[in-house]
């Protein structure tokens, strides 16, 4: 008998929770847009803001993830900012993945992995390997997924990165 009274309250709670998260994400997006507007210099600071904005869009407007990811990539290449290039590829991969474009997501992921490897950035490489593992897992390619999960875990263990190990 109690369950029929719980359902409306439960649905209301879930609605309010999702509204709150969406509102918080939009606030962060708005703050980043203002920071970008206030920083017209074409430098690594602007690239990092564009990259962060690209990532923040992936759960609310993934097509904007691609737009700002491409802007970040273009500027990073223009100023020779390798970390920006790697991050842009990573965020483009996430955007394509969210939109269901697995082949494009893998292509961007491979580009990001190459850049992170070139920079000897094992943290970035571990994150990309984890993302690639998720793509292969969702495609039912479990052996490939396991290989990438194992590679990610090995790098995170080597660098004592507890955050991300449970991803």
Foldseek 3Di string as FASTA:
>chain_A
DVVVVVVVVVVVVVVVVVVVVVVVLVVVLVVLVVVLVVDVDLDVVNLVSLLVNLQSCQVPPLVSVLVSLVVSCVSCVVVVPLVSNLSSLQSNLSSCVSVVNLVSSVVSLVVSLVSCVVVVNLLSNLVSLQVNLVSCVVVVNNVSSVVSLVSSLVSCVVVVPPPPNVD
